[in-house]
Amino acid sequence: MLLEDKFLSIYHIIIIIIIIIINVAISGDRNVIKKEAEKILKYKDLTIEIEFTWNVKTNAIPVIIGATGTVSKSFRKYVSNIPGKHEVKELQKTAILGTAHIILKVLM
């Protein structure tokens, strides 16, 4: 029995689970900072509930871009917390192209 306890204590497996909630929104240019604060408050309760229920570290990341590519001062900090490589210029370009596509559909 003592030998089994030593064997099990050597091979403890530690699993760390981190949940990342990414909320992407494209808003009017004037509302970028307001929308960012709104999303942080909206998902705060959810992150607390997930941490309490499942006992895991949870992080909510708001990714808010204006319709013409406007971003907040903290945008780069939030994007850097997302795993992988993300270029801010590419995200802005995608938002602008999406806006142009919508405008073209409306005008035609």
N, C-alpha and C. Protein backbone atom coordinates (compact mmCIF):
# COMPACT_ATOMS: atom_id res chain seq x y z
N MET A 1 0.82 -1.20 0.00
CA MET A 1 0.00 0.00 0.00
C MET A 1 0.87 1.26 0.00
N LEU A 2 1.94 1.25 0.74
CA LEU A 2 2.83 2.40 0.80
C LEU A 2 3.51 2.65 -0.53
N LEU A 3 3.88 1.58 -1.22
CA LEU A 3 4.51 1.70 -2.53
C LEU A 3 3.55 2.32 -3.55
N GLU A 4 2.28 1.95 -3.50
CA GLU A 4 1.28 2.52 -4.41
C GLU A 4 1.10 4.01 -4.17
N ASP A 5 1.10 4.43 -2.91
CA ASP A 5 0.95 5.86 -2.60
C ASP A 5 2.10 6.67 -3.16
N LYS A 6 3.33 6.14 -3.05
CA LYS A 6 4.49 6.84 -3.60
C LYS A 6 4.39 6.91 -5.12
N PHE A 7 3.94 5.83 -5.73
CA PHE A 7 3.81 5.80 -7.19
C PHE A 7 2.79 6.84 -7.67
N LEU A 8 1.66 6.93 -6.98
CA LEU A 8 0.62 7.89 -7.38
C LEU A 8 1.07 9.33 -7.14
N SER A 9 1.81 9.57 -6.07
CA SER A 9 2.22 10.94 -5.79
C SER A 9 3.24 11.45 -6.80
N ILE A 10 4.00 10.57 -7.42
CA ILE A 10 4.98 10.97 -8.42
C ILE A 10 4.28 11.41 -9.70
N TYR A 11 3.21 10.77 -10.06
CA TYR A 11 2.57 11.00 -11.34
C TYR A 11 1.26 11.81 -11.23
N HIS A 12 1.25 12.80 -10.38
CA HIS A 12 0.07 13.67 -10.33
C HIS A 12 0.00 14.45 -11.63
N ILE A 13 -1.16 14.50 -12.17
CA ILE A 13 -1.37 15.24 -13.41
C ILE A 13 -2.10 16.54 -13.06
N ILE A 14 -1.52 17.64 -13.47
CA ILE A 14 -2.13 18.93 -13.21
C ILE A 14 -2.68 19.45 -14.53
N ILE A 15 -3.97 19.72 -14.54
CA ILE A 15 -4.62 20.25 -15.72
C ILE A 15 -5.10 21.66 -15.38
N ILE A 16 -4.65 22.62 -16.16
CA ILE A 16 -5.07 24.00 -15.96
C ILE A 16 -5.97 24.37 -17.14
N ILE A 17 -7.17 24.75 -16.81
CA ILE A 17 -8.12 25.13 -17.85
C ILE A 17 -8.38 26.63 -17.72
N ILE A 18 -8.23 27.31 -18.83
CA ILE A 18 -8.53 28.74 -18.87
C ILE A 18 -9.60 28.95 -19.94
N ILE A 19 -10.67 29.60 -19.57
CA ILE A 19 -11.75 29.88 -20.51
C ILE A 19 -11.63 31.33 -20.93
N ILE A 20 -11.64 31.55 -22.25
CA ILE A 20 -11.58 32.90 -22.78
C ILE A 20 -12.86 33.16 -23.57
N ILE A 21 -13.57 34.19 -23.17
CA ILE A 21 -14.79 34.60 -23.87
C ILE A 21 -14.42 35.81 -24.72
N ILE A 22 -14.54 35.67 -26.02
CA ILE A 22 -14.21 36.77 -26.93
C ILE A 22 -15.50 37.30 -27.52
N ASN A 23 -15.75 38.58 -27.29
CA ASN A 23 -16.96 39.20 -27.80
C ASN A 23 -16.56 40.24 -28.83
N VAL A 24 -16.92 40.02 -30.07
CA VAL A 24 -16.56 40.92 -31.17
C VAL A 24 -17.79 41.72 -31.56
N ALA A 25 -17.61 43.04 -31.71
CA ALA A 25 -18.71 43.90 -32.13
C ALA A 25 -18.16 45.02 -33.00
N ILE A 26 -18.95 45.41 -33.97
CA ILE A 26 -18.62 46.56 -34.79
C ILE A 26 -19.73 47.58 -34.56
N SER A 27 -19.34 48.73 -34.04
CA SER A 27 -20.34 49.75 -33.71
C SER A 27 -20.05 51.04 -34.46
N GLY A 28 -20.90 52.03 -34.24
CA GLY A 28 -20.63 53.34 -34.79
C GLY A 28 -19.36 53.91 -34.19
N ASP A 29 -18.67 54.74 -34.90
CA ASP A 29 -17.38 55.26 -34.43
C ASP A 29 -17.48 56.02 -33.11
N ARG A 30 -18.57 56.68 -32.89
CA ARG A 30 -18.73 57.46 -31.65
C ARG A 30 -18.96 56.58 -30.44
N ASN A 31 -19.40 55.36 -30.66
CA ASN A 31 -19.79 54.49 -29.55
C ASN A 31 -18.75 53.44 -29.18
N VAL A 32 -17.54 53.51 -29.69
CA VAL A 32 -16.56 52.44 -29.47
C VAL A 32 -16.23 52.29 -27.98
N ILE A 33 -15.90 53.36 -27.32
CA ILE A 33 -15.53 53.29 -25.90
C ILE A 33 -16.74 52.90 -25.05
N LYS A 34 -17.89 53.48 -25.38
CA LYS A 34 -19.12 53.15 -24.64
C LYS A 34 -19.46 51.67 -24.81
N LYS A 35 -19.37 51.16 -26.03
CA LYS A 35 -19.68 49.76 -26.31
C LYS A 35 -18.71 48.82 -25.60
N GLU A 36 -17.43 49.22 -25.55
CA GLU A 36 -16.41 48.41 -24.88
C GLU A 36 -16.73 48.28 -23.39
N ALA A 37 -17.06 49.39 -22.74
CA ALA A 37 -17.41 49.36 -21.32
C ALA A 37 -18.68 48.54 -21.09
N GLU A 38 -19.62 48.66 -22.01
CA GLU A 38 -20.87 47.90 -21.92
C GLU A 38 -20.62 46.39 -21.98
N LYS A 39 -19.74 45.97 -22.89
CA LYS A 39 -19.43 44.55 -23.04
C LYS A 39 -18.68 44.00 -21.82
N ILE A 40 -17.78 44.81 -21.26
CA ILE A 40 -17.05 44.37 -20.06
C ILE A 40 -18.02 44.14 -18.92
N LEU A 41 -18.95 45.08 -18.71
CA LEU A 41 -19.93 44.92 -17.64
C LEU A 41 -20.90 43.77 -17.91
N LYS A 42 -21.26 43.59 -19.16
CA LYS A 42 -22.21 42.54 -19.53
C LYS A 42 -21.65 41.15 -19.21
N TYR A 43 -20.37 40.94 -19.47
CA TYR A 43 -19.79 39.61 -19.29
C TYR A 43 -19.11 39.41 -17.95
N LYS A 44 -19.09 40.42 -17.09
CA LYS A 44 -18.46 40.28 -15.77
C LYS A 44 -19.19 39.23 -14.94
N ASP A 45 -20.52 39.29 -14.92
CA ASP A 45 -21.30 38.31 -14.15
C ASP A 45 -21.08 36.89 -14.67
N LEU A 46 -21.01 36.76 -16.00
CA LEU A 46 -20.81 35.43 -16.59
C LEU A 46 -19.44 34.86 -16.20
N THR A 47 -18.40 35.69 -16.24
CA THR A 47 -17.07 35.18 -15.87
C THR A 47 -17.02 34.78 -14.40
N ILE A 48 -17.67 35.55 -13.55
CA ILE A 48 -17.70 35.19 -12.12
C ILE A 48 -18.45 33.88 -11.93
N GLU A 49 -19.57 33.72 -12.61
CA GLU A 49 -20.36 32.49 -12.50
C GLU A 49 -19.58 31.26 -12.99
N ILE A 50 -18.88 31.40 -14.11
CA ILE A 50 -18.08 30.29 -14.64
C ILE A 50 -16.95 29.94 -13.69
N GLU A 51 -16.26 30.95 -13.16
CA GLU A 51 -15.17 30.70 -12.21
C GLU A 51 -15.68 29.99 -10.96
N PHE A 52 -16.83 30.41 -10.46
CA PHE A 52 -17.40 29.82 -9.26
C PHE A 52 -17.89 28.39 -9.51
N THR A 53 -18.58 28.18 -10.63
CA THR A 53 -19.18 26.89 -10.92
C THR A 53 -18.14 25.83 -11.28
N TRP A 54 -17.22 26.17 -12.17
CA TRP A 54 -16.28 25.17 -12.69
C TRP A 54 -14.88 25.29 -12.10
N ASN A 55 -14.65 26.30 -11.27
CA ASN A 55 -13.35 26.51 -10.63
C ASN A 55 -12.22 26.61 -11.67
N VAL A 56 -12.44 27.44 -12.67
CA VAL A 56 -11.43 27.69 -13.71
C VAL A 56 -11.24 29.19 -13.87
N LYS A 57 -10.08 29.57 -14.37
CA LYS A 57 -9.80 30.98 -14.63
C LYS A 57 -10.53 31.38 -15.92
N THR A 58 -11.25 32.48 -15.85
CA THR A 58 -12.05 32.93 -16.99
C THR A 58 -11.69 34.38 -17.29
N ASN A 59 -11.64 34.69 -18.58
CA ASN A 59 -11.30 36.03 -19.02
C ASN A 59 -12.22 36.42 -20.16
N ALA A 60 -12.87 37.57 -20.04
CA ALA A 60 -13.73 38.09 -21.11
C ALA A 60 -12.97 39.19 -21.83
N ILE A 61 -12.86 39.07 -23.14
CA ILE A 61 -12.09 40.03 -23.93
C ILE A 61 -13.03 40.72 -24.92
N PRO A 62 -13.24 42.03 -24.75
CA PRO A 62 -14.06 42.76 -25.72
C PRO A 62 -13.21 43.21 -26.91
N VAL A 63 -13.65 42.91 -28.10
CA VAL A 63 -12.96 43.35 -29.32
C VAL A 63 -13.96 44.21 -30.07
N ILE A 64 -13.88 45.51 -29.87
CA ILE A 64 -14.83 46.45 -30.44
C ILE A 64 -14.10 47.32 -31.46
N ILE A 65 -14.61 47.34 -32.68
CA ILE A 65 -14.03 48.15 -33.76
C ILE A 65 -15.15 49.00 -34.33
N GLY A 66 -14.85 50.27 -34.58
CA GLY A 66 -15.83 51.16 -35.21
C GLY A 66 -16.05 50.77 -36.66
N ALA A 67 -17.13 51.24 -37.21
CA ALA A 67 -17.49 50.89 -38.59
C ALA A 67 -16.44 51.33 -39.60
N THR A 68 -15.71 52.39 -39.27
CA THR A 68 -14.64 52.86 -40.17
C THR A 68 -13.26 52.52 -39.65
N GLY A 69 -13.17 51.55 -38.74
CA GLY A 69 -11.87 51.09 -38.25
C GLY A 69 -11.40 51.75 -36.98
N THR A 70 -12.22 52.56 -36.35
CA THR A 70 -11.83 53.23 -35.10
C THR A 70 -11.71 52.21 -33.98
N VAL A 71 -10.63 52.33 -33.18
CA VAL A 71 -10.44 51.45 -32.03
C VAL A 71 -10.15 52.30 -30.80
N SER A 72 -10.34 51.71 -29.62
CA SER A 72 -10.06 52.42 -28.37
C SER A 72 -8.57 52.31 -28.04
N LYS A 73 -8.15 53.06 -27.03
CA LYS A 73 -6.74 53.03 -26.63
C LYS A 73 -6.34 51.67 -26.06
N SER A 74 -7.28 50.96 -25.43
CA SER A 74 -6.97 49.67 -24.82
C SER A 74 -7.18 48.49 -25.78
N PHE A 75 -7.51 48.76 -27.03
CA PHE A 75 -7.79 47.70 -28.01
C PHE A 75 -6.61 46.76 -28.19
N ARG A 76 -5.41 47.32 -28.35
CA ARG A 76 -4.21 46.48 -28.56
C ARG A 76 -3.94 45.58 -27.36
N LYS A 77 -4.21 46.07 -26.16
CA LYS A 77 -4.02 45.26 -24.95
C LYS A 77 -4.98 44.07 -24.96
N TYR A 78 -6.23 44.31 -25.34
CA TYR A 78 -7.20 43.22 -25.38
C TYR A 78 -6.85 42.20 -26.46
N VAL A 79 -6.47 42.67 -27.63
CA VAL A 79 -6.14 41.75 -28.73
C VAL A 79 -4.91 40.92 -28.39
N SER A 80 -3.96 41.49 -27.65
CA SER A 80 -2.76 40.74 -27.29
C SER A 80 -3.07 39.60 -26.32
N ASN A 81 -4.21 39.65 -25.63
CA ASN A 81 -4.61 38.58 -24.71
C ASN A 81 -5.25 37.39 -25.42
N ILE A 82 -5.55 37.54 -26.71
CA ILE A 82 -6.15 36.46 -27.47
C ILE A 82 -5.03 35.58 -28.03
N PRO A 83 -5.10 34.28 -27.81
CA PRO A 83 -4.05 33.39 -28.33
C PRO A 83 -3.94 33.47 -29.85
N GLY A 84 -2.74 33.40 -30.36
CA GLY A 84 -2.51 33.46 -31.80
C GLY A 84 -1.99 34.82 -32.20
N LYS A 85 -1.73 34.95 -33.49
CA LYS A 85 -1.20 36.20 -34.01
C LYS A 85 -2.32 36.98 -34.68
N HIS A 86 -2.51 38.22 -34.24
CA HIS A 86 -3.58 39.06 -34.77
C HIS A 86 -3.02 40.44 -35.08
N GLU A 87 -3.20 40.89 -36.28
CA GLU A 87 -2.76 42.22 -36.68
C GLU A 87 -3.93 43.20 -36.54
N VAL A 88 -3.70 44.30 -35.85
CA VAL A 88 -4.75 45.30 -35.66
C VAL A 88 -5.16 45.88 -37.00
N LYS A 89 -4.20 46.10 -37.88
CA LYS A 89 -4.51 46.64 -39.21
C LYS A 89 -5.45 45.72 -39.99
N GLU A 90 -5.24 44.42 -39.89
CA GLU A 90 -6.09 43.47 -40.59
C GLU A 90 -7.51 43.47 -40.03
N LEU A 91 -7.63 43.57 -38.71
CA LEU A 91 -8.96 43.63 -38.09
C LEU A 91 -9.69 44.90 -38.51
N GLN A 92 -8.96 46.01 -38.56
CA GLN A 92 -9.57 47.27 -39.00
C GLN A 92 -9.98 47.19 -40.46
N LYS A 93 -9.14 46.58 -41.27
CA LYS A 93 -9.44 46.43 -42.70
C LYS A 93 -10.70 45.60 -42.89
N THR A 94 -10.84 44.54 -42.13
CA THR A 94 -12.02 43.68 -42.22
C THR A 94 -13.29 44.46 -41.85
N ALA A 95 -13.21 45.28 -40.81
CA ALA A 95 -14.37 46.08 -40.40
C ALA A 95 -14.75 47.08 -41.49
N ILE A 96 -13.75 47.73 -42.08
CA ILE A 96 -14.02 48.72 -43.13
C ILE A 96 -14.62 48.06 -44.37
N LEU A 97 -14.07 46.91 -44.76
CA LEU A 97 -14.61 46.20 -45.92
C LEU A 97 -16.04 45.72 -45.68
N GLY A 98 -16.32 45.29 -44.45
CA GLY A 98 -17.68 44.89 -44.11
C GLY A 98 -18.65 46.05 -44.19
N THR A 99 -18.22 47.20 -43.71
CA THR A 99 -19.05 48.41 -43.78
C THR A 99 -19.30 48.80 -45.24
N ALA A 100 -18.25 48.76 -46.06
CA ALA A 100 -18.39 49.09 -47.48
C ALA A 100 -19.36 48.14 -48.17
N HIS A 101 -19.29 46.85 -47.82
CA HIS A 101 -20.18 45.85 -48.41
C HIS A 101 -21.64 46.15 -48.06
N ILE A 102 -21.89 46.50 -46.82
CA ILE A 102 -23.25 46.83 -46.39
C ILE A 102 -23.76 48.06 -47.12
N ILE A 103 -22.92 49.08 -47.23
CA ILE A 103 -23.33 50.31 -47.92
C ILE A 103 -23.64 50.03 -49.39
N LEU A 104 -22.82 49.23 -50.03
CA LEU A 104 -23.08 48.89 -51.44
C LEU A 104 -24.40 48.17 -51.61
N LYS A 105 -24.71 47.23 -50.68
CA LYS A 105 -25.99 46.52 -50.76
C LYS A 105 -27.18 47.46 -50.58
N VAL A 106 -27.03 48.43 -49.70
CA VAL A 106 -28.13 49.37 -49.44
C VAL A 106 -28.33 50.29 -50.66
N LEU A 107 -27.24 50.72 -51.27
CA LEU A 107 -27.35 51.67 -52.37
C LEU A 107 -27.80 51.04 -53.68
N MET A 108 -27.66 49.74 -53.81
CA MET A 108 -28.03 49.10 -55.08
C MET A 108 -29.46 48.68 -55.09
